[in-house]
Amino acid sequence: MNDSTQPYVRPGYETQPIPGFPHAPFGWSREQAEEVAKAEGLTLTDAHWQVVRALQELFAHDAEPALNARDLHDALDEHFHAEGGIKHLYELFPKGPVAQGCLLAGLQPPAGAQEKGMGSAV
């Protein structure tokens, strides 16, 4: 576990020290995310990586064992409000910022993330 974040990371969520991704889940790698992005038809930019970092941090710091899709959707909207909020995130992740973003971040999407209106365009 990354010593600098250990007191703040929720129990049961194991992180690994990856430069630039302090809250990355164990087993996740940037290369793996790039392969997933390629399969999803995405070309990753700095904006995509910011969303990946934000999702990893939200998952690491949330006190609940499983995040609620609506709460995660709203947290992303608020976090990226200055960039255009959820509209901006859908431009980055056409299949949904929650569903596609979690996939890239190496995280299990919350229940309901695949439903329309919850960060997925399925």
PDB file of N, CA and C in Angstrom:
ATOM      1  N   MET A   1       0.850  -1.176   0.000  1.00  0.00           N
ATOM      2  CA  MET A   1       0.000   0.000   0.000  1.00  0.00           C
ATOM      3  C   MET A   1       0.894   1.236   0.000  1.00  0.00           C
ATOM      4  N   ASN A   2       0.487   2.245  -0.677  1.00  0.00           N
ATOM      5  CA  ASN A   2       1.219   3.492  -0.759  1.00  0.00           C
ATOM      6  C   ASN A   2       1.190   4.165   0.619  1.00  0.00           C
ATOM      7  N   ASP A   3       2.366   4.309   1.259  1.00  0.00           N
ATOM      8  CA  ASP A   3       2.434   4.847   2.615  1.00  0.00           C
ATOM      9  C   ASP A   3       1.862   6.248   2.740  1.00  0.00           C
ATOM     10  N   SER A   4       1.972   7.071   1.696  1.00  0.00           N
ATOM     11  CA  SER A   4       1.502   8.446   1.794  1.00  0.00           C
ATOM     12  C   SER A   4      -0.021   8.545   1.833  1.00  0.00           C
ATOM     13  N   THR A   5      -0.725   7.523   1.350  1.00  0.00           N
ATOM     14  CA  THR A   5      -2.190   7.585   1.336  1.00  0.00           C
ATOM     15  C   THR A   5      -2.835   6.599   2.284  1.00  0.00           C
ATOM     16  N   GLN A   6      -2.062   5.729   2.908  1.00  0.00           N
ATOM     17  CA  GLN A   6      -2.621   4.672   3.730  1.00  0.00           C
ATOM     18  C   GLN A   6      -3.644   5.153   4.752  1.00  0.00           C
ATOM     19  N   PRO A   7      -3.411   6.227   5.505  1.00  0.00           N
ATOM     20  CA  PRO A   7      -4.406   6.624   6.494  1.00  0.00           C
ATOM     21  C   PRO A   7      -5.722   7.098   5.875  1.00  0.00           C
ATOM     22  N   TYR A   8      -5.730   7.443   4.614  1.00  0.00           N
ATOM     23  CA  TYR A   8      -6.910   8.015   3.985  1.00  0.00           C
ATOM     24  C   TYR A   8      -7.642   7.042   3.076  1.00  0.00           C
ATOM     25  N   VAL A   9      -7.021   5.935   2.732  1.00  0.00           N
ATOM     26  CA  VAL A   9      -7.634   4.983   1.823  1.00  0.00           C
ATOM     27  C   VAL A   9      -8.563   4.068   2.596  1.00  0.00           C
ATOM     28  N   ARG A  10      -9.721   3.798   2.025  1.00  0.00           N
ATOM     29  CA  ARG A  10     -10.702   2.975   2.726  1.00  0.00           C
ATOM     30  C   ARG A  10     -10.184   1.552   2.901  1.00  0.00           C
ATOM     31  N   PRO A  11     -10.576   0.911   3.966  1.00  0.00           N
ATOM     32  CA  PRO A  11     -10.168  -0.474   4.213  1.00  0.00           C
ATOM     33  C   PRO A  11     -10.627  -1.388   3.083  1.00  0.00           C
ATOM     34  N   GLY A  12      -9.784  -2.313   2.707  1.00  0.00           N
ATOM     35  CA  GLY A  12     -10.124  -3.261   1.659  1.00  0.00           C
ATOM     36  C   GLY A  12      -9.783  -2.784   0.266  1.00  0.00           C
ATOM     37  N   TYR A  13      -9.423  -1.532   0.109  1.00  0.00           N
ATOM     38  CA  TYR A  13      -9.055  -1.003  -1.197  1.00  0.00           C
ATOM     39  C   TYR A  13      -7.544  -0.899  -1.222  1.00  0.00           C
ATOM     40  N   GLU A  14      -6.907  -1.807  -1.919  1.00  0.00           N
ATOM     41  CA  GLU A  14      -5.452  -1.860  -1.943  1.00  0.00           C
ATOM     42  C   GLU A  14      -4.924  -1.063  -3.132  1.00  0.00           C
ATOM     43  N   THR A  15      -4.023  -0.132  -2.861  1.00  0.00           N
ATOM     44  CA  THR A  15      -3.429   0.678  -3.917  1.00  0.00           C
ATOM     45  C   THR A  15      -1.998   0.236  -4.152  1.00  0.00           C
ATOM     46  N   GLN A  16      -1.421   0.762  -5.211  1.00  0.00           N
ATOM     47  CA  GLN A  16      -0.020   0.494  -5.530  1.00  0.00           C
ATOM     48  C   GLN A  16       0.629   1.810  -5.921  1.00  0.00           C
ATOM     49  N   PRO A  17       1.905   1.971  -5.615  1.00  0.00           N
ATOM     50  CA  PRO A  17       2.584   3.235  -5.940  1.00  0.00           C
ATOM     51  C   PRO A  17       2.976   3.317  -7.417  1.00  0.00           C
ATOM     52  N   ILE A  18       2.175   4.027  -8.185  1.00  0.00           N
ATOM     53  CA  ILE A  18       2.488   4.282  -9.595  1.00  0.00           C
ATOM     54  C   ILE A  18       2.643   5.790  -9.734  1.00  0.00           C
ATOM     55  N   PRO A  19       3.781   6.259 -10.231  1.00  0.00           N
ATOM     56  CA  PRO A  19       3.963   7.710 -10.388  1.00  0.00           C
ATOM     57  C   PRO A  19       2.816   8.345 -11.176  1.00  0.00           C
ATOM     58  N   GLY A  20       2.236   9.384 -10.606  1.00  0.00           N
ATOM     59  CA  GLY A  20       1.138  10.094 -11.244  1.00  0.00           C
ATOM     60  C   GLY A  20      -0.231   9.511 -10.962  1.00  0.00           C
ATOM     61  N   PHE A  21      -0.274   8.313 -10.377  1.00  0.00           N
ATOM     62  CA  PHE A  21      -1.535   7.637 -10.074  1.00  0.00           C
ATOM     63  C   PHE A  21      -1.466   7.087  -8.652  1.00  0.00           C
ATOM     64  N   PRO A  22      -1.474   7.959  -7.648  1.00  0.00           N
ATOM     65  CA  PRO A  22      -1.279   7.525  -6.266  1.00  0.00           C
ATOM     66  C   PRO A  22      -2.392   6.644  -5.710  1.00  0.00           C
ATOM     67  N   HIS A  23      -3.550   6.613  -6.353  1.00  0.00           N
ATOM     68  CA  HIS A  23      -4.679   5.829  -5.843  1.00  0.00           C
ATOM     69  C   HIS A  23      -5.034   4.671  -6.767  1.00  0.00           C
ATOM     70  N   ALA A  24      -4.084   4.295  -7.628  1.00  0.00           N
ATOM     71  CA  ALA A  24      -4.342   3.209  -8.572  1.00  0.00           C
ATOM     72  C   ALA A  24      -4.603   1.908  -7.824  1.00  0.00           C
ATOM     73  N   PRO A  25      -5.630   1.173  -8.243  1.00  0.00           N
ATOM     74  CA  PRO A  25      -5.904  -0.105  -7.583  1.00  0.00           C
ATOM     75  C   PRO A  25      -4.808  -1.120  -7.900  1.00  0.00           C
ATOM     76  N   PHE A  26      -4.631  -2.059  -6.996  1.00  0.00           N
ATOM     77  CA  PHE A  26      -3.625  -3.088  -7.174  1.00  0.00           C
ATOM     78  C   PHE A  26      -3.888  -3.843  -8.478  1.00  0.00           C
ATOM     79  N   GLY A  27      -2.846  -4.031  -9.275  1.00  0.00           N
ATOM     80  CA  GLY A  27      -2.961  -4.755 -10.531  1.00  0.00           C
ATOM     81  C   GLY A  27      -3.231  -3.877 -11.735  1.00  0.00           C
ATOM     82  N   TRP A  28      -3.487  -2.575 -11.521  1.00  0.00           N
ATOM     83  CA  TRP A  28      -3.766  -1.655 -12.625  1.00  0.00           C
ATOM     84  C   TRP A  28      -2.462  -1.106 -13.180  1.00  0.00           C
ATOM     85  N   SER A  29      -2.419  -0.865 -14.477  1.00  0.00           N
ATOM     86  CA  SER A  29      -1.261  -0.208 -15.082  1.00  0.00           C
ATOM     87  C   SER A  29      -1.736   0.740 -16.181  1.00  0.00           C
ATOM     88  N   ARG A  30      -0.922   1.729 -16.435  1.00  0.00           N
ATOM     89  CA  ARG A  30      -1.222   2.695 -17.489  1.00  0.00           C
ATOM     90  C   ARG A  30      -1.288   1.993 -18.851  1.00  0.00           C
ATOM     91  N   GLU A  31      -0.393   1.042 -19.047  1.00  0.00           N
ATOM     92  CA  GLU A  31      -0.359   0.292 -20.309  1.00  0.00           C
ATOM     93  C   GLU A  31      -1.649  -0.493 -20.512  1.00  0.00           C
ATOM     94  N   GLN A  32      -2.149  -1.088 -19.429  1.00  0.00           N
ATOM     95  CA  GLN A  32      -3.399  -1.832 -19.488  1.00  0.00           C
ATOM     96  C   GLN A  32      -4.547  -0.893 -19.873  1.00  0.00           C
ATOM     97  N   ALA A  33      -4.567   0.292 -19.291  1.00  0.00           N
ATOM     98  CA  ALA A  33      -5.609   1.278 -19.608  1.00  0.00           C
ATOM     99  C   ALA A  33      -5.528   1.694 -21.074  1.00  0.00           C
ATOM    100  N   GLU A  34      -4.325   1.833 -21.592  1.00  0.00           N
ATOM    101  CA  GLU A  34      -4.155   2.209 -23.002  1.00  0.00           C
ATOM    102  C   GLU A  34      -4.677   1.111 -23.928  1.00  0.00           C
ATOM    103  N   GLU A  35      -4.484  -0.146 -23.561  1.00  0.00           N
ATOM    104  CA  GLU A  35      -5.016  -1.258 -24.356  1.00  0.00           C
ATOM    105  C   GLU A  35      -6.539  -1.253 -24.335  1.00  0.00           C
ATOM    106  N   VAL A  36      -7.121  -1.021 -23.165  1.00  0.00           N
ATOM    107  CA  VAL A  36      -8.576  -0.952 -23.037  1.00  0.00           C
ATOM    108  C   VAL A  36      -9.105   0.210 -23.876  1.00  0.00           C
ATOM    109  N   ALA A  37      -8.439   1.347 -23.801  1.00  0.00           N
ATOM    110  CA  ALA A  37      -8.867   2.518 -24.567  1.00  0.00           C
ATOM    111  C   ALA A  37      -8.847   2.228 -26.064  1.00  0.00           C
ATOM    112  N   LYS A  38      -7.810   1.554 -26.509  1.00  0.00           N
ATOM    113  CA  LYS A  38      -7.715   1.202 -27.931  1.00  0.00           C
ATOM    114  C   LYS A  38      -8.882   0.314 -28.333  1.00  0.00           C
ATOM    115  N   ALA A  39      -9.199  -0.666 -27.499  1.00  0.00           N
ATOM    116  CA  ALA A  39     -10.329  -1.560 -27.780  1.00  0.00           C
ATOM    117  C   ALA A  39     -11.654  -0.798 -27.772  1.00  0.00           C
ATOM    118  N   GLU A  40     -11.737   0.265 -26.983  1.00  0.00           N
ATOM    119  CA  GLU A  40     -12.946   1.084 -26.884  1.00  0.00           C
ATOM    120  C   GLU A  40     -12.997   2.167 -27.966  1.00  0.00           C
ATOM    121  N   GLY A  41     -11.936   2.283 -28.751  1.00  0.00           N
ATOM    122  CA  GLY A  41     -11.884   3.298 -29.800  1.00  0.00           C
ATOM    123  C   GLY A  41     -11.551   4.686 -29.294  1.00  0.00           C
ATOM    124  N   LEU A  42     -10.860   4.767 -28.156  1.00  0.00           N
ATOM    125  CA  LEU A  42     -10.486   6.047 -27.563  1.00  0.00           C
ATOM    126  C   LEU A  42      -8.995   6.318 -27.741  1.00  0.00           C
ATOM    127  N   THR A  43      -8.671   7.564 -27.986  1.00  0.00           N
ATOM    128  CA  THR A  43      -7.290   8.024 -27.961  1.00  0.00           C
ATOM    129  C   THR A  43      -7.151   8.857 -26.701  1.00  0.00           C
ATOM    130  N   LEU A  44      -6.357   8.359 -25.761  1.00  0.00           N
ATOM    131  CA  LEU A  44      -6.268   9.001 -24.454  1.00  0.00           C
ATOM    132  C   LEU A  44      -5.463  10.296 -24.497  1.00  0.00           C
ATOM    133  N   THR A  45      -6.045  11.309 -23.849  1.00  0.00           N
ATOM    134  CA  THR A  45      -5.409  12.616 -23.715  1.00  0.00           C
ATOM    135  C   THR A  45      -5.196  12.884 -22.230  1.00  0.00           C
ATOM    136  N   ASP A  46      -4.581  14.018 -21.913  1.00  0.00           N
ATOM    137  CA  ASP A  46      -4.421  14.393 -20.505  1.00  0.00           C
ATOM    138  C   ASP A  46      -5.776  14.489 -19.798  1.00  0.00           C
ATOM    139  N   ALA A  47      -6.792  14.934 -20.517  1.00  0.00           N
ATOM    140  CA  ALA A  47      -8.129  15.042 -19.924  1.00  0.00           C
ATOM    141  C   ALA A  47      -8.672  13.667 -19.520  1.00  0.00           C
ATOM    142  N   HIS A  48      -8.428  12.650 -20.333  1.00  0.00           N
ATOM    143  CA  HIS A  48      -8.853  11.291 -19.984  1.00  0.00           C
ATOM    144  C   HIS A  48      -8.130  10.822 -18.723  1.00  0.00           C
ATOM    145  N   TRP A  49      -6.819  11.079 -18.658  1.00  0.00           N
ATOM    146  CA  TRP A  49      -6.035  10.652 -17.494  1.00  0.00           C
ATOM    147  C   TRP A  49      -6.497  11.366 -16.231  1.00  0.00           C
ATOM    148  N   GLN A  50      -6.945  12.613 -16.355  1.00  0.00           N
ATOM    149  CA  GLN A  50      -7.470  13.331 -15.188  1.00  0.00           C
ATOM    150  C   GLN A  50      -8.721  12.633 -14.648  1.00  0.00           C
ATOM    151  N   VAL A  51      -9.559  12.153 -15.543  1.00  0.00           N
ATOM    152  CA  VAL A  51     -10.770  11.448 -15.125  1.00  0.00           C
ATOM    153  C   VAL A  51     -10.392  10.121 -14.468  1.00  0.00           C
ATOM    154  N   VAL A  52      -9.426   9.419 -15.042  1.00  0.00           N
ATOM    155  CA  VAL A  52      -8.964   8.150 -14.453  1.00  0.00           C
ATOM    156  C   VAL A  52      -8.459   8.399 -13.038  1.00  0.00           C
ATOM    157  N   ARG A  53      -7.627   9.424 -12.855  1.00  0.00           N
ATOM    158  CA  ARG A  53      -7.110   9.759 -11.521  1.00  0.00           C
ATOM    159  C   ARG A  53      -8.243  10.104 -10.556  1.00  0.00           C
ATOM    160  N   ALA A  54      -9.206  10.892 -11.032  1.00  0.00           N
ATOM    161  CA  ALA A  54     -10.330  11.296 -10.184  1.00  0.00           C
ATOM    162  C   ALA A  54     -11.149  10.083  -9.759  1.00  0.00           C
ATOM    163  N   LEU A  55     -11.418   9.175 -10.677  1.00  0.00           N
ATOM    164  CA  LEU A  55     -12.179   7.975 -10.334  1.00  0.00           C
ATOM    165  C   LEU A  55     -11.428   7.112  -9.324  1.00  0.00           C
ATOM    166  N   GLN A  56     -10.139   6.924  -9.554  1.00  0.00           N
ATOM    167  CA  GLN A  56      -9.347   6.122  -8.623  1.00  0.00           C
ATOM    168  C   GLN A  56      -9.337   6.755  -7.232  1.00  0.00           C
ATOM    169  N   GLU A  57      -9.239   8.065  -7.189  1.00  0.00           N
ATOM    170  CA  GLU A  57      -9.250   8.747  -5.892  1.00  0.00           C
ATOM    171  C   GLU A  57     -10.615   8.638  -5.221  1.00  0.00           C
ATOM    172  N   LEU A  58     -11.679   8.812  -5.985  1.00  0.00           N
ATOM    173  CA  LEU A  58     -13.024   8.688  -5.419  1.00  0.00           C
ATOM    174  C   LEU A  58     -13.246   7.291  -4.840  1.00  0.00           C
ATOM    175  N   PHE A  59     -12.810   6.273  -5.561  1.00  0.00           N
ATOM    176  CA  PHE A  59     -12.972   4.902  -5.068  1.00  0.00           C
ATOM    177  C   PHE A  59     -12.115   4.669  -3.826  1.00  0.00           C
ATOM    178  N   ALA A  60     -10.922   5.239  -3.795  1.00  0.00           N
ATOM    179  CA  ALA A  60     -10.021   5.026  -2.661  1.00  0.00           C
ATOM    180  C   ALA A  60     -10.524   5.703  -1.391  1.00  0.00           C
ATOM    181  N   HIS A  61     -11.148   6.856  -1.525  1.00  0.00           N
ATOM    182  CA  HIS A  61     -11.525   7.640  -0.352  1.00  0.00           C
ATOM    183  C   HIS A  61     -12.965   7.484   0.096  1.00  0.00           C
ATOM    184  N   ASP A  62     -13.800   6.847  -0.702  1.00  0.00           N
ATOM    185  CA  ASP A  62     -15.197   6.707  -0.314  1.00  0.00           C
ATOM    186  C   ASP A  62     -15.319   5.739   0.854  1.00  0.00           C
ATOM    187  N   ALA A  63     -16.088   6.095   1.838  1.00  0.00           N
ATOM    188  CA  ALA A  63     -16.242   5.274   3.040  1.00  0.00           C
ATOM    189  C   ALA A  63     -17.143   4.066   2.810  1.00  0.00           C
ATOM    190  N   GLU A  64     -17.969   4.122   1.794  1.00  0.00           N
ATOM    191  CA  GLU A  64     -18.895   3.016   1.520  1.00  0.00           C
ATOM    192  C   GLU A  64     -18.151   1.880   0.829  1.00  0.00           C
ATOM    193  N   PRO A  65     -18.547   0.633   1.114  1.00  0.00           N
ATOM    194  CA  PRO A  65     -17.892  -0.490   0.458  1.00  0.00           C
ATOM    195  C   PRO A  65     -18.143  -0.512  -1.049  1.00  0.00           C
ATOM    196  N   ALA A  66     -19.308  -0.039  -1.482  1.00  0.00           N
ATOM    197  CA  ALA A  66     -19.616   0.023  -2.910  1.00  0.00           C
ATOM    198  C   ALA A  66     -20.203   1.407  -3.201  1.00  0.00           C
ATOM    199  N   LEU A  67     -19.665   2.054  -4.201  1.00  0.00           N
ATOM    200  CA  LEU A  67     -20.153   3.376  -4.560  1.00  0.00           C
ATOM    201  C   LEU A  67     -21.475   3.273  -5.314  1.00  0.00           C
ATOM    202  N   ASN A  68     -22.321   4.239  -5.104  1.00  0.00           N
ATOM    203  CA  ASN A  68     -23.593   4.372  -5.783  1.00  0.00           C
ATOM    204  C   ASN A  68     -23.339   5.058  -7.130  1.00  0.00           C
ATOM    205  N   ALA A  69     -23.940   4.540  -8.199  1.00  0.00           N
ATOM    206  CA  ALA A  69     -23.715   5.093  -9.536  1.00  0.00           C
ATOM    207  C   ALA A  69     -24.111   6.567  -9.612  1.00  0.00           C
ATOM    208  N   ARG A  70     -25.235   6.931  -9.017  1.00  0.00           N
ATOM    209  CA  ARG A  70     -25.695   8.327  -9.064  1.00  0.00           C
ATOM    210  C   ARG A  70     -24.735   9.239  -8.316  1.00  0.00           C
ATOM    211  N   ASP A  71     -24.273   8.808  -7.146  1.00  0.00           N
ATOM    212  CA  ASP A  71     -23.325   9.620  -6.378  1.00  0.00           C
ATOM    213  C   ASP A  71     -22.012   9.801  -7.123  1.00  0.00           C
ATOM    214  N   LEU A  72     -21.550   8.747  -7.774  1.00  0.00           N
ATOM    215  CA  LEU A  72     -20.307   8.836  -8.546  1.00  0.00           C
ATOM    216  C   LEU A  72     -20.493   9.764  -9.747  1.00  0.00           C
ATOM    217  N   HIS A  73     -21.615   9.648 -10.423  1.00  0.00           N
ATOM    218  CA  HIS A  73     -21.965  10.521 -11.550  1.00  0.00           C
ATOM    219  C   HIS A  73     -21.948  11.984 -11.100  1.00  0.00           C
ATOM    220  N   ASP A  74     -22.601  12.262  -9.969  1.00  0.00           N
ATOM    221  CA  ASP A  74     -22.672  13.627  -9.451  1.00  0.00           C
ATOM    222  C   ASP A  74     -21.300  14.128  -8.997  1.00  0.00           C
ATOM    223  N   ALA A  75     -20.498  13.255  -8.391  1.00  0.00           N
ATOM    224  CA  ALA A  75     -19.155  13.651  -7.942  1.00  0.00           C
ATOM    225  C   ALA A  75     -18.275  14.009  -9.130  1.00  0.00           C
ATOM    226  N   LEU A  76     -18.382  13.249 -10.213  1.00  0.00           N
ATOM    227  CA  LEU A  76     -17.610  13.572 -11.419  1.00  0.00           C
ATOM    228  C   LEU A  76     -18.078  14.894 -12.027  1.00  0.00           C
ATOM    229  N   ASP A  77     -19.392  15.091 -12.068  1.00  0.00           N
ATOM    230  CA  ASP A  77     -19.951  16.337 -12.594  1.00  0.00           C
ATOM    231  C   ASP A  77     -19.416  17.533 -11.807  1.00  0.00           C
ATOM    232  N   GLU A  78     -19.402  17.409 -10.497  1.00  0.00           N
ATOM    233  CA  GLU A  78     -18.907  18.488  -9.647  1.00  0.00           C
ATOM    234  C   GLU A  78     -17.396  18.679  -9.808  1.00  0.00           C
ATOM    235  N   HIS A  79     -16.657  17.587  -9.832  1.00  0.00           N
ATOM    236  CA  HIS A  79     -15.191  17.658  -9.929  1.00  0.00           C
ATOM    237  C   HIS A  79     -14.753  18.334 -11.227  1.00  0.00           C
ATOM    238  N   PHE A  80     -15.475  18.078 -12.317  1.00  0.00           N
ATOM    239  CA  PHE A  80     -15.098  18.618 -13.623  1.00  0.00           C
ATOM    240  C   PHE A  80     -16.030  19.749 -14.068  1.00  0.00           C
ATOM    241  N   HIS A  81     -16.652  20.409 -13.101  1.00  0.00           N
ATOM    242  CA  HIS A  81     -17.576  21.501 -13.390  1.00  0.00           C
ATOM    243  C   HIS A  81     -16.914  22.616 -14.212  1.00  0.00           C
ATOM    244  N   ALA A  82     -15.720  23.001 -13.852  1.00  0.00           N
ATOM    245  CA  ALA A  82     -15.027  24.095 -14.540  1.00  0.00           C
ATOM    246  C   ALA A  82     -14.730  23.764 -16.004  1.00  0.00           C
ATOM    247  N   GLU A  83     -14.598  22.480 -16.318  1.00  0.00           N
ATOM    248  CA  GLU A  83     -14.317  22.055 -17.693  1.00  0.00           C
ATOM    249  C   GLU A  83     -15.593  21.830 -18.504  1.00  0.00           C
ATOM    250  N   GLY A  84     -16.741  21.888 -17.867  1.00  0.00           N
ATOM    251  CA  GLY A  84     -18.002  21.674 -18.556  1.00  0.00           C
ATOM    252  C   GLY A  84     -18.830  20.556 -17.947  1.00  0.00           C
ATOM    253  N   GLY A  85     -18.356  19.998 -16.852  1.00  0.00           N
ATOM    254  CA  GLY A  85     -19.124  18.987 -16.127  1.00  0.00           C
ATOM    255  C   GLY A  85     -19.368  17.730 -16.921  1.00  0.00           C
ATOM    256  N   ILE A  86     -20.541  17.178 -16.746  1.00  0.00           N
ATOM    257  CA  ILE A  86     -20.868  15.882 -17.330  1.00  0.00           C
ATOM    258  C   ILE A  86     -20.884  15.938 -18.852  1.00  0.00           C
ATOM    259  N   LYS A  87     -21.244  17.078 -19.426  1.00  0.00           N
ATOM    260  CA  LYS A  87     -21.224  17.216 -20.891  1.00  0.00           C
ATOM    261  C   LYS A  87     -19.803  17.032 -21.403  1.00  0.00           C
ATOM    262  N   HIS A  88     -18.850  17.656 -20.743  1.00  0.00           N
ATOM    263  CA  HIS A  88     -17.430  17.507 -21.099  1.00  0.00           C
ATOM    264  C   HIS A  88     -17.012  16.038 -20.980  1.00  0.00           C
ATOM    265  N   LEU A  89     -17.457  15.374 -19.928  1.00  0.00           N
ATOM    266  CA  LEU A  89     -17.070  13.983 -19.706  1.00  0.00           C
ATOM    267  C   LEU A  89     -17.646  13.056 -20.771  1.00  0.00           C
ATOM    268  N   TYR A  90     -18.854  13.339 -21.245  1.00  0.00           N
ATOM    269  CA  TYR A  90     -19.426  12.535 -22.326  1.00  0.00           C
ATOM    270  C   TYR A  90     -18.687  12.763 -23.641  1.00  0.00           C
ATOM    271  N   GLU A  91     -18.098  13.924 -23.821  1.00  0.00           N
ATOM    272  CA  GLU A  91     -17.274  14.158 -25.009  1.00  0.00           C
ATOM    273  C   GLU A  91     -16.012  13.294 -24.959  1.00  0.00           C
ATOM    274  N   LEU A  92     -15.484  13.097 -23.759  1.00  0.00           N
ATOM    275  CA  LEU A  92     -14.296  12.256 -23.585  1.00  0.00           C
ATOM    276  C   LEU A  92     -14.639  10.770 -23.643  1.00  0.00           C
ATOM    277  N   PHE A  93     -15.762  10.408 -23.029  1.00  0.00           N
ATOM    278  CA  PHE A  93     -16.176   9.011 -22.902  1.00  0.00           C
ATOM    279  C   PHE A  93     -17.575   8.844 -23.482  1.00  0.00           C
ATOM    280  N   PRO A  94     -17.685   8.636 -24.791  1.00  0.00           N
ATOM    281  CA  PRO A  94     -18.998   8.563 -25.437  1.00  0.00           C
ATOM    282  C   PRO A  94     -19.905   7.454 -24.917  1.00  0.00           C
ATOM    283  N   LYS A  95     -19.337   6.381 -24.377  1.00  0.00           N
ATOM    284  CA  LYS A  95     -20.150   5.291 -23.823  1.00  0.00           C
ATOM    285  C   LYS A  95     -20.486   5.524 -22.359  1.00  0.00           C
ATOM    286  N   GLY A  96     -20.080   6.673 -21.839  1.00  0.00           N
ATOM    287  CA  GLY A  96     -20.424   7.037 -20.466  1.00  0.00           C
ATOM    288  C   GLY A  96     -19.204   7.204 -19.591  1.00  0.00           C
ATOM    289  N   PRO A  97     -19.109   8.337 -18.908  1.00  0.00           N
ATOM    290  CA  PRO A  97     -17.947   8.601 -18.059  1.00  0.00           C
ATOM    291  C   PRO A  97     -17.825   7.651 -16.878  1.00  0.00           C
ATOM    292  N   VAL A  98     -18.932   7.176 -16.348  1.00  0.00           N
ATOM    293  CA  VAL A  98     -18.851   6.252 -15.218  1.00  0.00           C
ATOM    294  C   VAL A  98     -18.453   4.869 -15.724  1.00  0.00           C
ATOM    295  N   ALA A  99     -19.205   4.345 -16.676  1.00  0.00           N
ATOM    296  CA  ALA A  99     -18.949   2.990 -17.168  1.00  0.00           C
ATOM    297  C   ALA A  99     -17.587   2.897 -17.862  1.00  0.00           C
ATOM    298  N   GLN A 100     -17.345   3.722 -18.847  1.00  0.00           N
ATOM    299  CA  GLN A 100     -16.094   3.670 -19.600  1.00  0.00           C
ATOM    300  C   GLN A 100     -14.922   4.159 -18.760  1.00  0.00           C
ATOM    301  N   GLY A 101     -15.145   5.167 -17.946  1.00  0.00           N
ATOM    302  CA  GLY A 101     -14.080   5.685 -17.089  1.00  0.00           C
ATOM    303  C   GLY A 101     -13.613   4.650 -16.083  1.00  0.00           C
ATOM    304  N   CYS A 102     -14.555   3.954 -15.454  1.00  0.00           N
ATOM    305  CA  CYS A 102     -14.184   2.894 -14.502  1.00  0.00           C
ATOM    306  C   CYS A 102     -13.419   1.784 -15.202  1.00  0.00           C
ATOM    307  N   LEU A 103     -13.832   1.447 -16.405  1.00  0.00           N
ATOM    308  CA  LEU A 103     -13.147   0.415 -17.174  1.00  0.00           C
ATOM    309  C   LEU A 103     -11.674   0.786 -17.368  1.00  0.00           C
ATOM    310  N   LEU A 104     -11.416   2.025 -17.734  1.00  0.00           N
ATOM    311  CA  LEU A 104     -10.037   2.486 -17.935  1.00  0.00           C
ATOM    312  C   LEU A 104      -9.265   2.605 -16.627  1.00  0.00           C
ATOM    313  N   ALA A 105      -9.962   2.948 -15.551  1.00  0.00           N
ATOM    314  CA  ALA A 105      -9.311   3.150 -14.257  1.00  0.00           C
ATOM    315  C   ALA A 105      -9.060   1.840 -13.514  1.00  0.00           C
ATOM    316  N   GLY A 106      -9.501   0.728 -14.088  1.00  0.00           N
ATOM    317  CA  GLY A 106      -9.307  -0.557 -13.443  1.00  0.00           C
ATOM    318  C   GLY A 106     -10.235  -0.782 -12.262  1.00  0.00           C
ATOM    319  N   LEU A 107     -11.411  -0.175 -12.322  1.00  0.00           N
ATOM    320  CA  LEU A 107     -12.367  -0.219 -11.209  1.00  0.00           C
ATOM    321  C   LEU A 107     -13.648  -0.917 -11.627  1.00  0.00           C
ATOM    322  N   GLN A 108     -14.298  -1.547 -10.678  1.00  0.00           N
ATOM    323  CA  GLN A 108     -15.590  -2.181 -10.927  1.00  0.00           C
ATOM    324  C   GLN A 108     -16.650  -1.087 -10.955  1.00  0.00           C
ATOM    325  N   PRO A 109     -17.328  -0.892 -12.091  1.00  0.00           N
ATOM    326  CA  PRO A 109     -18.371   0.139 -12.127  1.00  0.00           C
ATOM    327  C   PRO A 109     -19.468  -0.195 -11.125  1.00  0.00           C
ATOM    328  N   PRO A 110     -20.037   0.816 -10.503  1.00  0.00           N
ATOM    329  CA  PRO A 110     -21.120   0.562  -9.553  1.00  0.00           C
ATOM    330  C   PRO A 110     -22.341  -0.020 -10.254  1.00  0.00           C
ATOM    331  N   ALA A 111     -23.173  -0.684  -9.487  1.00  0.00           N
ATOM    332  CA  ALA A 111     -24.421  -1.224 -10.026  1.00  0.00           C
ATOM    333  C   ALA A 111     -25.217  -0.090 -10.650  1.00  0.00           C
ATOM    334  N   GLY A 112     -25.746  -0.326 -11.824  1.00  0.00           N
ATOM    335  CA  GLY A 112     -26.541   0.685 -12.502  1.00  0.00           C
ATOM    336  C   GLY A 112     -25.746   1.582 -13.424  1.00  0.00           C
ATOM    337  N   ALA A 113     -24.435   1.432 -13.458  1.00  0.00           N
ATOM    338  CA  ALA A 113     -23.610   2.303 -14.298  1.00  0.00           C
ATOM    339  C   ALA A 113     -23.846   2.057 -15.778  1.00  0.00           C
ATOM    340  N   GLN A 114     -24.366   0.910 -16.116  1.00  0.00           N
ATOM    341  CA  GLN A 114     -24.615   0.587 -17.524  1.00  0.00           C
ATOM    342  C   GLN A 114     -25.969   1.093 -18.005  1.00  0.00           C
ATOM    343  N   GLU A 115     -26.769   1.635 -17.104  1.00  0.00           N
ATOM    344  CA  GLU A 115     -28.093   2.120 -17.486  1.00  0.00           C
ATOM    345  C   GLU A 115     -27.993   3.524 -18.076  1.00  0.00           C
ATOM    346  N   LYS A 116     -28.903   3.822 -19.001  1.00  0.00           N
ATOM    347  CA  LYS A 116     -28.933   5.162 -19.587  1.00  0.00           C
ATOM    348  C   LYS A 116     -29.122   6.189 -18.496  1.00  0.00           C
ATOM    349  N   GLY A 117     -28.402   7.296 -18.611  1.00  0.00           N
ATOM    350  CA  GLY A 117     -28.530   8.378 -17.635  1.00  0.00           C
ATOM    351  C   GLY A 117     -27.619   8.220 -16.448  1.00  0.00           C
ATOM    352  N   MET A 118     -26.898   7.105 -16.349  1.00  0.00           N
ATOM    353  CA  MET A 118     -25.996   6.890 -15.215  1.00  0.00           C
ATOM    354  C   MET A 118     -24.554   6.806 -15.680  1.00  0.00           C
ATOM    355  N   GLY A 119     -24.213   7.541 -16.708  1.00  0.00           N
ATOM    356  CA  GLY A 119     -22.837   7.526 -17.160  1.00  0.00           C
ATOM    357  C   GLY A 119     -22.584   6.507 -18.239  1.00  0.00           C
ATOM    358  N   SER A 120     -23.632   6.027 -18.878  1.00  0.00           N
ATOM    359  CA  SER A 120     -23.467   5.065 -19.951  1.00  0.00           C
ATOM    360  C   SER A 120     -24.470   5.369 -21.052  1.00  0.00           C
ATOM    361  N   ALA A 121     -24.063   5.169 -22.266  1.00  0.00           N
ATOM    362  CA  ALA A 121     -24.938   5.414 -23.404  1.00  0.00           C
ATOM    363  C   ALA A 121     -25.398   4.107 -24.024  1.00  0.00           C
ATOM    364  N   VAL A 122     -25.491   3.056 -23.229  1.00  0.00           N
ATOM    365  CA  VAL A 122     -25.893   1.738 -23.716  1.00  0.00           C
ATOM    366  C   VAL A 122     -27.311   1.795 -24.218  1.00  0.00           C
TER     367      VAL A 122
END
